[in-house]
Amino acid sequence: MCTGTRRFRLARVILSIVQPLCLVITSSAPRAACSSSTLTNVSIDDSSPDPFTGTRISYGSIGNITDGAGWNIGQNCSICLAQPDPSQVFDGTWHDTSTWFAVKGPNAVNKPFASVSFTGVAVFVVGIIVLSTPATSSPLNNTRMFFQVDGAKEESFSNDASLGDEVIYSYNVTLFSKTGLENGLHNITMICGDGRSSADSLCLLDEIIYTTVELMASDSDSSSSNSSSTSNTSSLSNDIESATALTGPQPSISTPSNDLSAPVSITTVAATSVGSTLFIALLVGFYFARRLRKRSQDFSLNDNRKSQRSIPVRTTYSGHSEHAVGTLSDHDMVTNHGLPSYTDIASDMATVATTGEDKSAHSESKISEKNFIEYARWY
């Protein structure tokens, strides 16, 4: 009864340990599966292709189909007015353009543009501006530009340089940012100037950064992945808006992680931890089970020993003339005679009591009353 109660209590203890572990396994597995995407910033240099898609920024001028018309490669342009420090710009390169009033009239104003396509949820345009300049009538004094995303006009940027003794540049300036886009293919276009024929503008483009959603390995099929991508995009875009509003983009290539083992590593670590805990719990349960089993065996052994002590043990004689209290003569131990019976001893004692003599032929074998009592007790 006690052993059964102890085993029942042990089972309850093991269950209380294993049950929370099962909850940990079931709750942690979906979390690992949900970690199937991450946001990554990708920088497209003004002179280099997209490091992952190979797409390049296209340069031209509105009304001029010639590729690169109206633009100069800044670090190689010796006749350009703007001469920034190459060590301060991304990858040491930039593109230079400016607007001017054409001699053919207001409608002939130069309108250089730069455009690129990307797949992501946000985009940033980074460039260089002039903070101060000794001249006030040259394109160095003003920076004017406006932007389009997927053909729709967005924000514009303008800067007026202050008058100073020397030309001072400001690097890594975010000229435009657009977040909260649907995760898909988009186009960003930067147009130098504000569209007015009388406004000169200097535009120095350094890089274009876009934010992409890097998908990780997932156990779900393609249909469920496609249906969940829309909801993931809406939540991710909110995170982008709050993050980029405070920090803005970083002017460096953020290499997307091609390592698909990140979520697998999390799952592996979680499974290893849970498995180790289960193994320890089983060892503890096995240890207590063995202790209870051994204790129950000890109790049963003690009960057997107690029951054996209560059984009287009959005395065995080791010699033909030896018994538990005294000795008998050779006359009493002759062959086939054996030990005297209770009747014989009682008869002899009665004779002695009435006559005072021993009618036995061998008086030396008389047994005293004390010997009789002791003998009867052991017999």
Foldseek 3Di string as FASTA:
>chain_A
DVLVVVVVVLVVVLCVLVVVLVVLLVVVVVVLQVPFKDKFKFKAWQPFAGPPPRWHKWKDWVVDPDTNPQKDWQCPDPPDPDNDDLVQFFVSTKMKGKWAQDPVDWVPIIKMKIKTKDFAFKKWFFFKAWAEAQDDPDQNQKWWKWKDKQNHTDDIAIDGHHYDDHIDMDGGDTGDMDGGHQGGMMMMMMITDDSGNHDMHMTMTTIMMHMHMGGADHPDDPVVVVVVSRVVSNVVRVVVVVVCVPPNDDNYGGDDDPDRCPSVVVSVVSVVVSVVSSVVSVVVSVVVSVVSVVVVVVVVVVVVVVVVVVDDDADDDDDLFDDDPHGADVVCRPPPNHHDDPVVLVVQVVVCVVPVDGPDPDPVRRDDPVNSVVVVVRD
